[in-house]
N, C-alpha and C. Protein backbone atom coordinates (compact mmCIF):
# COMPACT_ATOMS: atom_id res chain seq x y z
N MET A 1 -1.03 -6.72 -4.82
CA MET A 1 -1.48 -5.57 -5.60
C MET A 1 -0.73 -4.33 -5.14
N LEU A 2 -0.23 -3.57 -6.07
CA LEU A 2 0.41 -2.30 -5.77
C LEU A 2 -0.55 -1.19 -6.17
N ASN A 3 -0.49 -0.07 -5.44
CA ASN A 3 -1.37 1.02 -5.82
C ASN A 3 -0.59 2.21 -6.33
N SER A 4 0.60 1.99 -6.85
CA SER A 4 1.37 3.06 -7.45
C SER A 4 2.48 2.46 -8.28
N ASN A 5 3.48 3.30 -8.63
CA ASN A 5 4.57 2.86 -9.48
C ASN A 5 5.38 1.75 -8.82
N PRO A 6 5.48 0.56 -9.43
CA PRO A 6 6.14 -0.57 -8.81
C PRO A 6 7.65 -0.60 -8.99
N GLN A 7 8.24 0.40 -9.65
CA GLN A 7 9.66 0.32 -9.95
C GLN A 7 10.54 0.66 -8.76
N LEU A 8 9.94 1.08 -7.66
CA LEU A 8 10.71 1.33 -6.45
C LEU A 8 10.92 0.02 -5.71
N TYR A 9 12.18 -0.30 -5.41
CA TYR A 9 12.51 -1.48 -4.63
C TYR A 9 11.89 -2.76 -5.19
N PRO A 10 12.12 -3.10 -6.44
CA PRO A 10 11.50 -4.29 -7.04
C PRO A 10 11.92 -5.58 -6.36
N THR A 11 13.13 -5.61 -5.79
CA THR A 11 13.57 -6.83 -5.12
C THR A 11 12.62 -7.21 -4.00
N MET A 12 12.12 -6.23 -3.28
CA MET A 12 11.20 -6.51 -2.18
C MET A 12 9.90 -7.12 -2.68
N TYR A 13 9.41 -6.61 -3.81
CA TYR A 13 8.18 -7.15 -4.35
C TYR A 13 8.40 -8.58 -4.85
N LEU A 14 9.58 -8.85 -5.39
CA LEU A 14 9.89 -10.21 -5.82
C LEU A 14 9.97 -11.15 -4.63
N ALA A 15 10.52 -10.66 -3.53
CA ALA A 15 10.64 -11.50 -2.33
C ALA A 15 9.26 -11.92 -1.84
N VAL A 16 8.29 -11.02 -1.95
CA VAL A 16 6.93 -11.35 -1.55
C VAL A 16 6.28 -12.26 -2.58
N LEU A 17 6.57 -12.03 -3.84
CA LEU A 17 5.96 -12.81 -4.92
C LEU A 17 6.46 -14.25 -4.94
N ASN A 18 7.69 -14.47 -4.58
CA ASN A 18 8.29 -15.80 -4.63
C ASN A 18 7.71 -16.67 -3.50
N PRO A 19 7.32 -17.95 -3.74
CA PRO A 19 7.52 -18.67 -4.99
C PRO A 19 6.27 -18.83 -5.86
N THR A 20 5.06 -18.55 -5.33
CA THR A 20 3.87 -18.89 -6.10
C THR A 20 2.89 -17.74 -6.28
N GLY A 21 3.20 -16.57 -5.76
CA GLY A 21 2.25 -15.47 -5.80
C GLY A 21 2.08 -14.85 -7.17
N LYS A 22 1.05 -14.03 -7.27
CA LYS A 22 0.80 -13.24 -8.48
C LYS A 22 0.72 -11.78 -8.08
N LEU A 23 1.20 -10.92 -8.95
CA LEU A 23 1.28 -9.49 -8.66
C LEU A 23 0.35 -8.73 -9.59
N LYS A 24 -0.60 -8.00 -9.03
CA LYS A 24 -1.48 -7.14 -9.82
C LYS A 24 -1.04 -5.71 -9.60
N VAL A 25 -0.85 -4.99 -10.69
CA VAL A 25 -0.34 -3.63 -10.61
C VAL A 25 -1.40 -2.65 -11.07
N ASP A 26 -1.80 -1.77 -10.14
CA ASP A 26 -2.72 -0.70 -10.44
C ASP A 26 -1.87 0.56 -10.52
N ASP A 27 -1.44 0.93 -11.72
CA ASP A 27 -0.45 1.99 -11.91
C ASP A 27 -1.10 3.22 -12.51
N ASP A 28 -1.21 4.28 -11.70
CA ASP A 28 -1.84 5.50 -12.18
C ASP A 28 -1.12 6.07 -13.40
N GLY A 29 0.20 5.87 -13.47
CA GLY A 29 0.96 6.40 -14.58
C GLY A 29 0.59 5.77 -15.91
N ALA A 30 0.06 4.56 -15.84
CA ALA A 30 -0.29 3.87 -17.08
C ALA A 30 -1.68 4.27 -17.58
N ARG A 31 -2.44 4.94 -16.75
CA ARG A 31 -3.83 5.19 -17.09
C ARG A 31 -4.02 6.26 -18.15
N GLN A 32 -2.98 7.02 -18.42
CA GLN A 32 -3.12 8.02 -19.48
C GLN A 32 -2.98 7.37 -20.85
N TYR A 33 -2.67 6.09 -20.87
CA TYR A 33 -2.51 5.39 -22.14
C TYR A 33 -3.55 4.28 -22.27
N ILE A 34 -3.78 3.87 -23.50
CA ILE A 34 -4.61 2.69 -23.74
C ILE A 34 -3.73 1.46 -23.52
N LEU A 35 -4.16 0.57 -22.65
CA LEU A 35 -3.36 -0.61 -22.35
C LEU A 35 -3.61 -1.70 -23.38
N ASP A 36 -3.12 -1.49 -24.58
CA ASP A 36 -3.20 -2.54 -25.58
C ASP A 36 -2.13 -3.58 -25.30
N ASP A 37 -2.14 -4.66 -26.07
CA ASP A 37 -1.22 -5.77 -25.80
C ASP A 37 0.24 -5.34 -25.84
N ALA A 38 0.56 -4.46 -26.78
CA ALA A 38 1.96 -4.03 -26.93
C ALA A 38 2.41 -3.23 -25.71
N ARG A 39 1.55 -2.36 -25.22
CA ARG A 39 1.93 -1.54 -24.07
C ARG A 39 1.99 -2.38 -22.79
N VAL A 40 1.07 -3.32 -22.65
CA VAL A 40 1.12 -4.22 -21.50
C VAL A 40 2.44 -4.98 -21.49
N GLU A 41 2.84 -5.48 -22.65
CA GLU A 41 4.10 -6.22 -22.76
C GLU A 41 5.28 -5.32 -22.41
N MET A 42 5.23 -4.06 -22.83
CA MET A 42 6.31 -3.12 -22.54
C MET A 42 6.43 -2.89 -21.03
N TYR A 43 5.31 -2.66 -20.35
CA TYR A 43 5.34 -2.43 -18.91
C TYR A 43 5.85 -3.67 -18.17
N LYS A 44 5.38 -4.82 -18.58
CA LYS A 44 5.83 -6.06 -17.93
C LYS A 44 7.33 -6.26 -18.12
N GLU A 45 7.80 -6.01 -19.32
CA GLU A 45 9.22 -6.18 -19.62
C GLU A 45 10.06 -5.25 -18.75
N ARG A 46 9.63 -4.00 -18.61
CA ARG A 46 10.36 -3.05 -17.80
C ARG A 46 10.43 -3.50 -16.34
N PHE A 47 9.28 -3.87 -15.82
CA PHE A 47 9.23 -4.27 -14.42
C PHE A 47 10.06 -5.51 -14.15
N VAL A 48 9.85 -6.52 -14.95
CA VAL A 48 10.53 -7.80 -14.75
C VAL A 48 12.03 -7.66 -14.92
N SER A 49 12.45 -6.91 -15.95
CA SER A 49 13.88 -6.73 -16.18
C SER A 49 14.54 -5.99 -15.02
N LEU A 50 13.90 -4.93 -14.56
CA LEU A 50 14.44 -4.17 -13.44
C LEU A 50 14.48 -5.03 -12.18
N ALA A 51 13.42 -5.80 -11.98
CA ALA A 51 13.35 -6.64 -10.78
C ALA A 51 14.43 -7.72 -10.80
N LEU A 52 14.58 -8.39 -11.92
CA LEU A 52 15.55 -9.48 -11.99
C LEU A 52 16.98 -8.97 -11.94
N ASP A 53 17.20 -7.76 -12.42
CA ASP A 53 18.54 -7.18 -12.38
C ASP A 53 19.00 -6.94 -10.95
N THR A 54 18.04 -6.72 -10.05
CA THR A 54 18.39 -6.41 -8.66
C THR A 54 18.06 -7.54 -7.70
N ALA A 55 17.52 -8.63 -8.21
CA ALA A 55 17.07 -9.71 -7.35
C ALA A 55 18.24 -10.52 -6.77
N ALA A 56 17.98 -11.09 -5.61
CA ALA A 56 18.99 -11.94 -4.99
C ALA A 56 19.11 -13.24 -5.77
N PRO A 57 20.29 -13.87 -5.77
CA PRO A 57 20.49 -15.11 -6.52
C PRO A 57 19.56 -16.24 -6.08
N SER A 58 19.08 -16.17 -4.84
CA SER A 58 18.23 -17.25 -4.32
C SER A 58 16.83 -17.24 -4.94
N PHE A 59 16.44 -16.15 -5.60
CA PHE A 59 15.14 -16.09 -6.22
C PHE A 59 15.14 -16.99 -7.46
N ASN A 60 14.18 -17.88 -7.51
CA ASN A 60 14.11 -18.80 -8.63
C ASN A 60 12.75 -18.71 -9.29
N PHE A 61 12.68 -18.01 -10.39
CA PHE A 61 11.44 -17.87 -11.12
C PHE A 61 11.47 -18.65 -12.43
N LYS A 62 12.49 -19.51 -12.58
CA LYS A 62 12.64 -20.39 -13.73
C LYS A 62 12.98 -19.62 -15.01
N SER A 63 12.23 -18.58 -15.31
CA SER A 63 12.52 -17.80 -16.51
C SER A 63 11.84 -16.46 -16.43
N LYS A 64 12.29 -15.52 -17.24
CA LYS A 64 11.65 -14.21 -17.29
C LYS A 64 10.20 -14.34 -17.73
N ASN A 65 9.94 -15.19 -18.71
CA ASN A 65 8.58 -15.36 -19.20
C ASN A 65 7.67 -15.90 -18.11
N ASN A 66 8.21 -16.80 -17.28
CA ASN A 66 7.42 -17.35 -16.18
C ASN A 66 7.00 -16.25 -15.22
N LEU A 67 7.94 -15.35 -14.92
CA LEU A 67 7.64 -14.25 -14.01
C LEU A 67 6.65 -13.29 -14.64
N LYS A 68 6.82 -13.00 -15.93
CA LYS A 68 5.93 -12.05 -16.59
C LYS A 68 4.48 -12.55 -16.58
N LYS A 69 4.30 -13.86 -16.62
CA LYS A 69 2.95 -14.41 -16.59
C LYS A 69 2.27 -14.17 -15.25
N ARG A 70 3.09 -13.88 -14.23
CA ARG A 70 2.53 -13.69 -12.89
C ARG A 70 2.38 -12.22 -12.53
N VAL A 71 2.69 -11.34 -13.47
CA VAL A 71 2.50 -9.90 -13.28
C VAL A 71 1.31 -9.46 -14.14
N HIS A 72 0.32 -8.87 -13.51
CA HIS A 72 -0.90 -8.48 -14.22
C HIS A 72 -1.13 -6.98 -14.06
N LEU A 73 -1.30 -6.28 -15.17
CA LEU A 73 -1.61 -4.85 -15.13
C LEU A 73 -3.12 -4.67 -15.19
N LEU A 74 -3.63 -3.85 -14.30
CA LEU A 74 -5.05 -3.57 -14.29
C LEU A 74 -5.34 -2.42 -15.23
N ALA A 75 -6.30 -2.61 -16.09
CA ALA A 75 -6.66 -1.55 -17.04
C ALA A 75 -7.38 -0.42 -16.31
N GLU A 76 -7.46 0.71 -16.99
CA GLU A 76 -8.14 1.87 -16.39
C GLU A 76 -9.59 1.53 -16.08
N MET A 77 -10.02 1.92 -14.88
CA MET A 77 -11.39 1.67 -14.45
C MET A 77 -12.12 3.00 -14.35
N HIS A 78 -13.17 3.17 -15.15
CA HIS A 78 -13.86 4.44 -15.21
C HIS A 78 -14.94 4.58 -14.15
N ALA A 79 -15.33 3.49 -13.53
CA ALA A 79 -16.40 3.53 -12.54
C ALA A 79 -15.91 2.99 -11.20
N PHE A 80 -16.43 3.56 -10.12
CA PHE A 80 -16.05 3.08 -8.79
C PHE A 80 -16.39 1.60 -8.63
N LYS A 81 -17.49 1.18 -9.25
CA LYS A 81 -17.92 -0.22 -9.14
C LYS A 81 -16.82 -1.15 -9.64
N GLU A 82 -16.20 -0.80 -10.77
CA GLU A 82 -15.13 -1.63 -11.31
C GLU A 82 -13.91 -1.62 -10.40
N HIS A 83 -13.60 -0.45 -9.88
CA HIS A 83 -12.44 -0.30 -8.99
C HIS A 83 -12.59 -1.19 -7.76
N TYR A 84 -13.74 -1.14 -7.11
CA TYR A 84 -13.93 -1.91 -5.90
C TYR A 84 -14.05 -3.41 -6.19
N ALA A 85 -14.59 -3.74 -7.34
CA ALA A 85 -14.74 -5.15 -7.70
C ALA A 85 -13.38 -5.85 -7.84
N CYS A 86 -12.35 -5.10 -8.24
CA CYS A 86 -11.04 -5.72 -8.45
C CYS A 86 -10.45 -6.25 -7.14
N TYR A 87 -10.90 -5.72 -6.00
CA TYR A 87 -10.35 -6.18 -4.72
C TYR A 87 -10.78 -7.61 -4.39
N ALA A 88 -11.80 -8.11 -5.08
CA ALA A 88 -12.22 -9.49 -4.84
C ALA A 88 -11.12 -10.47 -5.23
N GLY A 89 -10.23 -10.05 -6.13
CA GLY A 89 -9.14 -10.92 -6.56
C GLY A 89 -7.81 -10.57 -5.94
N VAL A 90 -7.84 -9.82 -4.85
CA VAL A 90 -6.60 -9.39 -4.18
C VAL A 90 -6.60 -9.87 -2.74
N ASP A 91 -5.50 -10.47 -2.31
CA ASP A 91 -5.37 -10.92 -0.93
C ASP A 91 -4.65 -9.91 -0.05
N ILE A 92 -3.61 -9.28 -0.58
CA ILE A 92 -2.78 -8.35 0.18
C ILE A 92 -2.43 -7.17 -0.72
N ALA A 93 -2.53 -5.96 -0.19
CA ALA A 93 -2.10 -4.77 -0.93
C ALA A 93 -0.71 -4.37 -0.44
N LEU A 94 0.24 -4.29 -1.36
CA LEU A 94 1.61 -3.88 -1.04
C LEU A 94 1.73 -2.38 -1.28
N ASP A 95 1.83 -1.63 -0.21
CA ASP A 95 1.89 -0.18 -0.32
C ASP A 95 3.22 0.24 -0.94
N PRO A 96 3.20 1.19 -1.88
CA PRO A 96 4.45 1.68 -2.46
C PRO A 96 5.13 2.64 -1.50
N PHE A 97 6.35 2.96 -1.79
CA PHE A 97 7.09 3.92 -0.97
C PHE A 97 8.23 4.48 -1.82
N PRO A 98 8.71 5.64 -1.49
CA PRO A 98 8.38 6.40 -0.28
C PRO A 98 7.03 7.12 -0.33
N TYR A 99 6.42 7.28 -1.50
CA TYR A 99 5.12 7.94 -1.57
C TYR A 99 4.04 6.87 -1.40
N THR A 100 3.40 6.86 -0.26
CA THR A 100 2.47 5.78 0.06
C THR A 100 1.06 6.09 -0.41
N GLY A 101 0.20 5.13 -0.22
CA GLY A 101 -1.19 5.30 -0.59
C GLY A 101 -1.93 6.21 0.39
N THR A 102 -3.09 6.68 -0.03
CA THR A 102 -3.96 7.48 0.84
C THR A 102 -5.38 6.95 0.67
N THR A 103 -6.06 7.45 -0.34
CA THR A 103 -7.41 6.95 -0.62
C THR A 103 -7.39 5.46 -0.94
N THR A 104 -6.40 5.03 -1.71
CA THR A 104 -6.34 3.62 -2.09
C THR A 104 -6.12 2.72 -0.87
N THR A 105 -5.44 3.23 0.15
CA THR A 105 -5.25 2.45 1.38
C THR A 105 -6.59 2.24 2.08
N VAL A 106 -7.36 3.30 2.18
CA VAL A 106 -8.68 3.18 2.80
C VAL A 106 -9.59 2.29 1.95
N ASP A 107 -9.54 2.45 0.64
CA ASP A 107 -10.33 1.60 -0.25
C ASP A 107 -10.06 0.13 0.02
N ALA A 108 -8.77 -0.23 0.08
CA ALA A 108 -8.40 -1.62 0.30
C ALA A 108 -8.93 -2.13 1.63
N LEU A 109 -8.72 -1.36 2.69
CA LEU A 109 -9.18 -1.78 4.01
C LEU A 109 -10.70 -1.95 4.04
N MET A 110 -11.42 -1.03 3.41
CA MET A 110 -12.88 -1.13 3.39
C MET A 110 -13.37 -2.33 2.60
N MET A 111 -12.53 -2.83 1.69
CA MET A 111 -12.88 -4.02 0.92
C MET A 111 -12.29 -5.29 1.53
N GLY A 112 -11.75 -5.17 2.74
CA GLY A 112 -11.26 -6.35 3.44
C GLY A 112 -9.88 -6.81 3.05
N VAL A 113 -9.11 -5.92 2.42
CA VAL A 113 -7.76 -6.28 1.97
C VAL A 113 -6.72 -5.59 2.86
N PRO A 114 -5.91 -6.35 3.60
CA PRO A 114 -4.89 -5.74 4.45
C PRO A 114 -3.82 -5.05 3.61
N VAL A 115 -3.31 -3.93 4.11
CA VAL A 115 -2.29 -3.15 3.42
C VAL A 115 -1.00 -3.20 4.24
N VAL A 116 0.08 -3.62 3.61
CA VAL A 116 1.39 -3.64 4.27
C VAL A 116 2.14 -2.39 3.84
N THR A 117 2.62 -1.62 4.80
CA THR A 117 3.30 -0.37 4.47
C THR A 117 4.65 -0.27 5.16
N LEU A 118 5.53 0.54 4.62
CA LEU A 118 6.85 0.79 5.19
C LEU A 118 6.89 2.21 5.73
N ARG A 119 7.05 2.33 7.05
CA ARG A 119 7.08 3.64 7.68
C ARG A 119 8.43 4.32 7.45
N SER A 120 8.38 5.62 7.20
CA SER A 120 9.60 6.39 6.98
C SER A 120 9.94 7.17 8.25
N ARG A 121 11.22 7.21 8.59
CA ARG A 121 11.66 7.94 9.78
C ARG A 121 12.85 8.81 9.41
N GLY A 122 13.22 9.69 10.30
CA GLY A 122 14.41 10.49 10.09
C GLY A 122 14.12 11.86 9.52
N ALA A 123 15.17 12.61 9.29
CA ALA A 123 15.06 14.01 8.87
C ALA A 123 14.40 14.16 7.51
N GLU A 124 14.55 13.18 6.64
CA GLU A 124 14.01 13.29 5.28
C GLU A 124 12.57 12.80 5.18
N SER A 125 12.04 12.32 6.28
CA SER A 125 10.66 11.82 6.28
C SER A 125 9.68 12.98 6.18
N ILE A 126 8.69 12.84 5.30
CA ILE A 126 7.66 13.87 5.15
C ILE A 126 6.28 13.22 5.22
N HIS A 127 5.26 14.06 5.25
CA HIS A 127 3.89 13.59 5.42
C HIS A 127 3.52 12.47 4.45
N SER A 128 3.83 12.66 3.17
CA SER A 128 3.40 11.69 2.15
C SER A 128 4.06 10.34 2.30
N HIS A 129 5.12 10.25 3.10
CA HIS A 129 5.80 8.98 3.31
C HIS A 129 5.08 8.10 4.34
N ASN A 130 4.20 8.70 5.13
CA ASN A 130 3.65 7.97 6.27
C ASN A 130 2.14 8.02 6.39
N VAL A 131 1.46 8.38 5.31
CA VAL A 131 0.00 8.45 5.38
C VAL A 131 -0.60 7.07 5.68
N SER A 132 -0.15 6.05 4.96
CA SER A 132 -0.70 4.71 5.19
C SER A 132 -0.40 4.23 6.61
N ALA A 133 0.81 4.52 7.10
CA ALA A 133 1.16 4.12 8.46
C ALA A 133 0.21 4.77 9.46
N SER A 134 -0.09 6.05 9.26
CA SER A 134 -1.00 6.76 10.16
C SER A 134 -2.41 6.15 10.10
N LEU A 135 -2.88 5.86 8.89
CA LEU A 135 -4.21 5.27 8.73
C LEU A 135 -4.29 3.91 9.40
N LEU A 136 -3.28 3.09 9.19
CA LEU A 136 -3.28 1.75 9.78
C LEU A 136 -3.21 1.81 11.30
N MET A 137 -2.40 2.71 11.83
CA MET A 137 -2.29 2.84 13.29
C MET A 137 -3.63 3.27 13.88
N GLN A 138 -4.29 4.21 13.24
CA GLN A 138 -5.59 4.67 13.74
C GLN A 138 -6.66 3.59 13.65
N ALA A 139 -6.48 2.68 12.72
CA ALA A 139 -7.44 1.58 12.56
C ALA A 139 -7.08 0.38 13.44
N GLY A 140 -6.03 0.52 14.25
CA GLY A 140 -5.63 -0.58 15.14
C GLY A 140 -4.91 -1.70 14.42
N LEU A 141 -4.24 -1.37 13.31
CA LEU A 141 -3.56 -2.39 12.50
C LEU A 141 -2.06 -2.12 12.46
N GLN A 142 -1.51 -1.77 13.60
CA GLN A 142 -0.08 -1.45 13.67
C GLN A 142 0.81 -2.63 13.28
N GLU A 143 0.29 -3.85 13.35
CA GLU A 143 1.08 -5.02 12.97
C GLU A 143 1.38 -5.07 11.47
N LEU A 144 0.71 -4.22 10.70
CA LEU A 144 0.94 -4.16 9.25
C LEU A 144 1.92 -3.05 8.86
N VAL A 145 2.44 -2.35 9.85
CA VAL A 145 3.37 -1.25 9.61
C VAL A 145 4.80 -1.72 9.87
N ALA A 146 5.63 -1.68 8.84
CA ALA A 146 7.02 -2.13 8.94
C ALA A 146 7.96 -0.94 9.13
N ASP A 147 9.06 -1.19 9.84
CA ASP A 147 10.07 -0.16 10.04
C ASP A 147 11.34 -0.43 9.26
N SER A 148 11.34 -1.52 8.50
CA SER A 148 12.50 -1.85 7.66
C SER A 148 12.02 -2.64 6.47
N GLU A 149 12.86 -2.71 5.43
CA GLU A 149 12.51 -3.47 4.24
C GLU A 149 12.34 -4.95 4.58
N GLU A 150 13.19 -5.45 5.47
CA GLU A 150 13.11 -6.86 5.86
C GLU A 150 11.79 -7.15 6.57
N GLU A 151 11.36 -6.22 7.43
CA GLU A 151 10.10 -6.42 8.15
C GLU A 151 8.91 -6.32 7.20
N TYR A 152 9.00 -5.45 6.22
CA TYR A 152 7.95 -5.32 5.20
C TYR A 152 7.73 -6.67 4.51
N ILE A 153 8.82 -7.29 4.08
CA ILE A 153 8.75 -8.59 3.42
C ILE A 153 8.19 -9.64 4.37
N SER A 154 8.68 -9.64 5.61
CA SER A 154 8.24 -10.62 6.60
C SER A 154 6.75 -10.53 6.87
N ILE A 155 6.23 -9.32 7.05
CA ILE A 155 4.81 -9.13 7.32
C ILE A 155 3.97 -9.66 6.15
N ALA A 156 4.37 -9.32 4.93
CA ALA A 156 3.62 -9.75 3.75
C ALA A 156 3.64 -11.27 3.60
N LEU A 157 4.80 -11.88 3.83
CA LEU A 157 4.91 -13.33 3.69
C LEU A 157 4.12 -14.05 4.77
N GLN A 158 4.13 -13.52 5.98
CA GLN A 158 3.34 -14.13 7.04
C GLN A 158 1.86 -14.09 6.71
N LEU A 159 1.40 -12.98 6.18
CA LEU A 159 0.00 -12.87 5.77
C LEU A 159 -0.31 -13.87 4.65
N ALA A 160 0.56 -13.91 3.66
CA ALA A 160 0.33 -14.80 2.51
C ALA A 160 0.28 -16.26 2.92
N GLY A 161 1.01 -16.60 3.97
CA GLY A 161 1.06 -17.99 4.42
C GLY A 161 0.00 -18.36 5.44
N ASP A 162 -0.94 -17.44 5.69
CA ASP A 162 -1.96 -17.69 6.71
C ASP A 162 -3.35 -17.39 6.14
N PRO A 163 -3.89 -18.32 5.33
CA PRO A 163 -5.20 -18.10 4.71
C PRO A 163 -6.32 -17.83 5.72
N ALA A 164 -6.24 -18.47 6.88
CA ALA A 164 -7.29 -18.28 7.89
C ALA A 164 -7.29 -16.84 8.38
N ARG A 165 -6.10 -16.29 8.59
CA ARG A 165 -5.99 -14.89 9.04
C ARG A 165 -6.50 -13.95 7.96
N LEU A 166 -6.16 -14.23 6.71
CA LEU A 166 -6.64 -13.39 5.60
C LEU A 166 -8.17 -13.43 5.51
N ALA A 167 -8.73 -14.60 5.75
CA ALA A 167 -10.19 -14.74 5.70
C ALA A 167 -10.84 -13.91 6.82
N ARG A 168 -10.23 -13.95 8.02
CA ARG A 168 -10.77 -13.16 9.13
C ARG A 168 -10.70 -11.67 8.82
N LEU A 169 -9.57 -11.25 8.25
CA LEU A 169 -9.43 -9.84 7.90
C LEU A 169 -10.44 -9.44 6.83
N ARG A 170 -10.64 -10.31 5.88
CA ARG A 170 -11.59 -10.02 4.78
C ARG A 170 -12.98 -9.75 5.35
N SER A 171 -13.35 -10.47 6.38
CA SER A 171 -14.70 -10.35 6.91
C SER A 171 -14.84 -9.30 8.02
N THR A 172 -13.73 -8.79 8.55
CA THR A 172 -13.83 -7.87 9.69
C THR A 172 -13.22 -6.49 9.47
N LEU A 173 -12.39 -6.33 8.44
CA LEU A 173 -11.67 -5.07 8.29
C LEU A 173 -12.60 -3.87 8.13
N ARG A 174 -13.64 -4.01 7.35
CA ARG A 174 -14.53 -2.86 7.12
C ARG A 174 -15.13 -2.38 8.44
N GLU A 175 -15.60 -3.32 9.25
CA GLU A 175 -16.20 -2.94 10.53
C GLU A 175 -15.15 -2.30 11.45
N ARG A 176 -13.93 -2.84 11.44
CA ARG A 176 -12.87 -2.28 12.27
C ARG A 176 -12.58 -0.83 11.88
N VAL A 177 -12.53 -0.58 10.60
CA VAL A 177 -12.28 0.78 10.13
C VAL A 177 -13.44 1.70 10.49
N MET A 178 -14.67 1.23 10.30
CA MET A 178 -15.83 2.06 10.58
C MET A 178 -15.92 2.42 12.07
N ARG A 179 -15.43 1.55 12.94
CA ARG A 179 -15.50 1.79 14.39
C ARG A 179 -14.24 2.47 14.92
N SER A 180 -13.31 2.76 14.06
CA SER A 180 -12.03 3.34 14.48
C SER A 180 -12.11 4.87 14.51
N PRO A 181 -11.11 5.52 15.10
CA PRO A 181 -11.06 6.99 15.10
C PRO A 181 -11.07 7.60 13.71
N LEU A 182 -10.68 6.80 12.69
CA LEU A 182 -10.68 7.32 11.32
C LEU A 182 -12.05 7.83 10.89
N MET A 183 -13.09 7.21 11.42
CA MET A 183 -14.44 7.55 11.01
C MET A 183 -15.17 8.42 12.04
N ASP A 184 -14.46 8.87 13.05
CA ASP A 184 -15.06 9.73 14.07
C ASP A 184 -14.78 11.18 13.71
N GLY A 185 -15.57 11.71 12.79
CA GLY A 185 -15.36 13.07 12.31
C GLY A 185 -15.49 14.11 13.40
N GLY A 186 -16.42 13.90 14.32
CA GLY A 186 -16.62 14.84 15.40
C GLY A 186 -15.39 14.97 16.29
N LYS A 187 -14.83 13.83 16.66
CA LYS A 187 -13.63 13.84 17.50
C LYS A 187 -12.46 14.47 16.77
N ALA A 188 -12.31 14.15 15.48
CA ALA A 188 -11.22 14.73 14.69
C ALA A 188 -11.35 16.25 14.64
N SER A 189 -12.57 16.75 14.48
CA SER A 189 -12.79 18.20 14.44
C SER A 189 -12.45 18.84 15.78
N ARG A 190 -12.87 18.19 16.86
CA ARG A 190 -12.58 18.75 18.19
C ARG A 190 -11.08 18.76 18.46
N ASN A 191 -10.39 17.70 18.06
CA ASN A 191 -8.93 17.66 18.25
C ASN A 191 -8.24 18.76 17.45
N LEU A 192 -8.73 19.00 16.23
CA LEU A 192 -8.15 20.05 15.40
C LEU A 192 -8.41 21.43 16.03
N GLU A 193 -9.62 21.63 16.51
CA GLU A 193 -9.95 22.90 17.17
C GLU A 193 -9.08 23.11 18.41
N ASP A 194 -8.86 22.05 19.18
CA ASP A 194 -8.01 22.15 20.37
C ASP A 194 -6.58 22.51 19.99
N ALA A 195 -6.11 21.93 18.87
CA ALA A 195 -4.75 22.23 18.43
C ALA A 195 -4.63 23.69 18.00
N TYR A 196 -5.65 24.19 17.28
CA TYR A 196 -5.65 25.61 16.88
C TYR A 196 -5.67 26.51 18.12
N ARG A 197 -6.52 26.15 19.08
CA ARG A 197 -6.64 26.96 20.29
C ARG A 197 -5.33 26.99 21.06
N SER A 198 -4.67 25.85 21.13
CA SER A 198 -3.40 25.76 21.84
C SER A 198 -2.33 26.60 21.15
N MET A 199 -2.29 26.54 19.81
CA MET A 199 -1.31 27.33 19.07
C MET A 199 -1.57 28.83 19.23
N TRP A 200 -2.85 29.21 19.21
CA TRP A 200 -3.19 30.62 19.36
C TRP A 200 -2.85 31.12 20.77
N THR A 201 -3.13 30.29 21.76
CA THR A 201 -2.83 30.67 23.14
C THR A 201 -1.33 30.89 23.32
N ARG A 202 -0.53 30.01 22.74
CA ARG A 202 0.92 30.16 22.85
C ARG A 202 1.38 31.42 22.11
N PHE A 203 0.75 31.70 20.96
CA PHE A 203 1.14 32.87 20.18
C PHE A 203 0.86 34.17 20.93
N VAL A 204 -0.36 34.32 21.43
CA VAL A 204 -0.71 35.56 22.11
C VAL A 204 0.00 35.67 23.45
N GLY A 205 0.44 34.53 23.98
CA GLY A 205 1.16 34.54 25.24
C GLY A 205 2.63 34.81 25.06
N GLY A 206 3.06 34.91 23.82
CA GLY A 206 4.45 35.23 23.53
C GLY A 206 5.41 34.12 23.88
N SER A 207 4.95 32.87 23.77
CA SER A 207 5.81 31.73 24.10
C SER A 207 6.80 31.48 22.96
N ASP A 208 7.90 32.24 22.98
CA ASP A 208 8.95 32.10 21.98
C ASP A 208 8.49 32.46 20.59
N GLY A 209 7.28 33.02 20.50
CA GLY A 209 6.75 33.43 19.20
C GLY A 209 6.45 32.26 18.29
N LYS A 210 6.30 31.04 18.85
CA LYS A 210 6.05 29.86 18.02
C LYS A 210 4.64 29.34 18.27
């Protein structure tokens, strides 16, 4: 399941999908439209065509139609109940990039669905590129954070090939998140206050004016 626009790096999503997986796409951009049959077909055609154009020769999906049958668009959900219910049919959430998930990442974890994300580094890296990585690290799930496209694929495939591990995550992720620093509002507030106090102390102390 993707929680944003899937047209970024389609080859990677195909690598995870191959050979038997199914891809569910929760695309915010599609929600401004009614997902009738014609529009669903249009979105599938765009995704599949773009993906196959960039896919490695070793990918064997038999035919475009075969691949399209394995791509499912989720219709707009007007109630939280519907949104959370959809996670019952999802094993792994593939985080988009460079703009990663935020609320949707927490939603997935709370519903027992592991999220695989690609961490961004370097001068061009910004906050929105690493929100999921930060959330996963705070939840003690650093093994789901990839530093390269190859590692992203590897993590997802390892998860997909280990039903027992997925079952354990399904039953324990919510508790892990609830007991993690992510849910310790008091500590987060104190840390923020300490950071403000430190910045103010440096400012009034004339430490380089920074």
